Amino acid sequence: MRHVLRLAGYDLVREADGETPGIRVSRIPVGALVSWTPLSSPSAPAGTAQAVSESTGSAVQAALEIVLLQHGYTIWTDPAGNNIVVLSPSQSPPLPLLREMPDE
């Protein structure tokens, strides 16, 4: 999955580095956790910085989701946070069986 994200143009930061802005991938029991630390802007007023951070976070999350889904990963997103859980194939729900419907 790291390879897919790098091919999509994302620079990944080290998993153990929780302070450097950027995207990181960490192993968790059900697969992987994709998270990011946003850039901070100390010169922006507090309210403006928070609003920019939230909208940027939403854009980053949406872009990551698209890349992962396009490459066939099963994901779970936390709408309140900046985390995406990528389920390992053994944890992913089975694909629904396609049933042919009789012609009416």
C-alpha atoms as a PDB file:
ATOM      1  CA  MET A   1       0.000   0.000   0.000  1.00  0.00           C
ATOM      2  CA  ARG A   2       2.905   2.366   0.694  1.00  0.00           C
ATOM      3  CA  HIS A   3       4.048   1.784  -2.873  1.00  0.00           C
ATOM      4  CA  VAL A   4       0.599   2.724  -4.226  1.00  0.00           C
ATOM      5  CA  LEU A   5       0.572   5.954  -2.210  1.00  0.00           C
ATOM      6  CA  ARG A   6       4.094   6.862  -3.361  1.00  0.00           C
ATOM      7  CA  LEU A   7       3.126   6.197  -7.000  1.00  0.00           C
ATOM      8  CA  ALA A   8       0.166   8.520  -6.517  1.00  0.00           C
ATOM      9  CA  GLY A   9       2.608  11.262  -5.501  1.00  0.00           C
ATOM     10  CA  TYR A  10       2.390  11.158  -1.723  1.00  0.00           C
ATOM     11  CA  ASP A  11       5.529  11.573   0.360  1.00  0.00           C
ATOM     12  CA  LEU A  12       5.296   9.382   3.434  1.00  0.00           C
ATOM     13  CA  VAL A  13       6.878  10.283   6.773  1.00  0.00           C
ATOM     14  CA  ARG A  14       8.284   7.737   9.191  1.00  0.00           C
ATOM     15  CA  GLU A  15       5.692   5.887  11.255  1.00  0.00           C
ATOM     16  CA  ALA A  16       7.422   6.721  14.548  1.00  0.00           C
ATOM     17  CA  ASP A  17       7.521  10.452  13.775  1.00  0.00           C
ATOM     18  CA  GLY A  18       4.180  11.805  14.974  1.00  0.00           C
ATOM     19  CA  GLU A  19       5.070  15.484  14.748  1.00  0.00           C
ATOM     20  CA  THR A  20       6.431  16.014  11.243  1.00  0.00           C
ATOM     21  CA  PRO A  21       3.651  17.129   8.879  1.00  0.00           C
ATOM     22  CA  GLY A  22       2.782  14.483   6.349  1.00  0.00           C
ATOM     23  CA  ILE A  23       1.154  11.143   5.708  1.00  0.00           C
ATOM     24  CA  ARG A  24       2.172   8.014   7.601  1.00  0.00           C
ATOM     25  CA  VAL A  25       1.205   4.365   7.375  1.00  0.00           C
ATOM     26  CA  SER A  26       1.201   2.255  10.551  1.00  0.00           C
ATOM     27  CA  ARG A  27       0.489  -1.433  11.031  1.00  0.00           C
ATOM     28  CA  ILE A  28      -2.531  -2.285  13.170  1.00  0.00           C
ATOM     29  CA  PRO A  29      -4.118  -5.678  13.942  1.00  0.00           C
ATOM     30  CA  VAL A  30      -6.781  -5.426  11.208  1.00  0.00           C
ATOM     31  CA  GLY A  31      -4.490  -4.020   8.508  1.00  0.00           C
ATOM     32  CA  ALA A  32      -2.984  -0.551   8.293  1.00  0.00           C
ATOM     33  CA  LEU A  33      -3.750   2.922   9.584  1.00  0.00           C
ATOM     34  CA  VAL A  34      -3.196   5.838   7.213  1.00  0.00           C
ATOM     35  CA  SER A  35      -3.028   9.126   9.092  1.00  0.00           C
ATOM     36  CA  TRP A  36      -1.547  12.559   8.618  1.00  0.00           C
ATOM     37  CA  THR A  37      -0.282  15.499  10.557  1.00  0.00           C
ATOM     38  CA  PRO A  38      -1.233  18.793   8.886  1.00  0.00           C
ATOM     39  CA  LEU A  39       1.080  21.735   8.424  1.00  0.00           C
ATOM     40  CA  SER A  40       0.569  24.356  11.064  1.00  0.00           C
ATOM     41  CA  SER A  41       0.522  28.040  10.284  1.00  0.00           C
ATOM     42  CA  PRO A  42       1.486  30.037  13.372  1.00  0.00           C
ATOM     43  CA  SER A  43       0.914  33.348  11.588  1.00  0.00           C
ATOM     44  CA  ALA A  44      -2.773  32.696  10.822  1.00  0.00           C
ATOM     45  CA  PRO A  45      -5.455  33.728  13.330  1.00  0.00           C
ATOM     46  CA  ALA A  46      -6.639  30.776  15.442  1.00  0.00           C
ATOM     47  CA  GLY A  47     -10.132  30.524  13.895  1.00  0.00           C
ATOM     48  CA  THR A  48      -8.846  30.843  10.349  1.00  0.00           C
ATOM     49  CA  ALA A  49      -6.084  28.291  10.910  1.00  0.00           C
ATOM     50  CA  GLN A  50      -8.609  25.799  12.312  1.00  0.00           C
ATOM     51  CA  ALA A  51     -10.988  26.260   9.357  1.00  0.00           C
ATOM     52  CA  VAL A  52      -8.160  25.884   6.829  1.00  0.00           C
ATOM     53  CA  SER A  53      -6.869  22.815   8.654  1.00  0.00           C
ATOM     54  CA  GLU A  54     -10.317  21.171   8.629  1.00  0.00           C
ATOM     55  CA  SER A  55     -10.965  21.840   4.939  1.00  0.00           C
ATOM     56  CA  THR A  56      -7.464  20.702   3.993  1.00  0.00           C
ATOM     57  CA  GLY A  57      -7.897  17.583   6.115  1.00  0.00           C
ATOM     58  CA  SER A  58     -11.164  16.782   4.342  1.00  0.00           C
ATOM     59  CA  ALA A  59      -9.497  17.191   0.948  1.00  0.00           C
ATOM     60  CA  VAL A  60      -6.533  15.010   1.957  1.00  0.00           C
ATOM     61  CA  GLN A  61      -8.832  12.312   3.317  1.00  0.00           C
ATOM     62  CA  ALA A  62     -10.992  12.319   0.171  1.00  0.00           C
ATOM     63  CA  ALA A  63      -7.942  12.105  -2.108  1.00  0.00           C
ATOM     64  CA  LEU A  64      -6.425   9.244  -0.116  1.00  0.00           C
ATOM     65  CA  GLU A  65      -9.747   7.380  -0.096  1.00  0.00           C
ATOM     66  CA  ILE A  66     -10.021   7.658  -3.883  1.00  0.00           C
ATOM     67  CA  VAL A  67      -6.489   6.377  -4.469  1.00  0.00           C
ATOM     68  CA  LEU A  68      -6.944   3.444  -2.091  1.00  0.00           C
ATOM     69  CA  LEU A  69     -10.372   2.483  -3.435  1.00  0.00           C
ATOM     70  CA  GLN A  70      -9.195   2.716  -7.051  1.00  0.00           C
ATOM     71  CA  HIS A  71      -6.486   0.203  -6.196  1.00  0.00           C
ATOM     72  CA  GLY A  72      -8.962  -2.250  -4.680  1.00  0.00           C
ATOM     73  CA  TYR A  73      -8.363  -1.672  -0.988  1.00  0.00           C
ATOM     74  CA  THR A  74     -11.204  -2.019   1.502  1.00  0.00           C
ATOM     75  CA  ILE A  75     -11.214   0.990   3.802  1.00  0.00           C
ATOM     76  CA  TRP A  76     -13.006   2.364   6.830  1.00  0.00           C
ATOM     77  CA  THR A  77     -12.835   6.080   7.481  1.00  0.00           C
ATOM     78  CA  ASP A  78     -13.280   8.031  10.659  1.00  0.00           C
ATOM     79  CA  PRO A  79     -15.467  11.019   9.701  1.00  0.00           C
ATOM     80  CA  ALA A  80     -14.476  12.880  12.863  1.00  0.00           C
ATOM     81  CA  GLY A  81     -10.747  12.405  12.482  1.00  0.00           C
ATOM     82  CA  ASN A  82      -7.935  12.193  10.006  1.00  0.00           C
ATOM     83  CA  ASN A  83      -7.536   8.424   9.919  1.00  0.00           C
ATOM     84  CA  ILE A  84      -8.254   5.782   7.317  1.00  0.00           C
ATOM     85  CA  VAL A  85      -8.153   2.114   8.272  1.00  0.00           C
ATOM     86  CA  VAL A  86      -7.157  -0.114   5.368  1.00  0.00           C
ATOM     87  CA  LEU A  87      -8.347  -3.638   6.042  1.00  0.00           C
ATOM     88  CA  SER A  88      -6.055  -6.538   5.253  1.00  0.00           C
ATOM     89  CA  PRO A  89      -7.505  -9.005   2.732  1.00  0.00           C
ATOM     90  CA  SER A  90      -8.262 -11.479   5.540  1.00  0.00           C
ATOM     91  CA  GLN A  91     -10.288  -8.799   7.378  1.00  0.00           C
ATOM     92  CA  SER A  92     -12.141  -7.488   4.334  1.00  0.00           C
ATOM     93  CA  PRO A  93     -15.762  -8.494   3.975  1.00  0.00           C
ATOM     94  CA  PRO A  94     -16.425 -10.933   1.142  1.00  0.00           C
ATOM     95  CA  LEU A  95     -17.681  -9.481  -2.083  1.00  0.00           C
ATOM     96  CA  PRO A  96     -21.387 -10.056  -2.631  1.00  0.00           C
ATOM     97  CA  LEU A  97     -22.248 -12.925  -4.929  1.00  0.00           C
ATOM     98  CA  LEU A  98     -23.755 -11.858  -8.204  1.00  0.00           C
ATOM     99  CA  ARG A  99     -27.061 -13.570  -8.785  1.00  0.00           C
ATOM    100  CA  GLU A 100     -28.669 -13.674 -12.128  1.00  0.00           C
ATOM    101  CA  MET A 101     -32.244 -12.505 -12.008  1.00  0.00           C
ATOM    102  CA  PRO A 102     -34.706 -14.463 -14.149  1.00  0.00           C
ATOM    103  CA  ASP A 103     -36.186 -12.513 -17.010  1.00  0.00           C
ATOM    104  CA  GLU A 104     -39.726 -11.493 -16.339  1.00  0.00           C
END
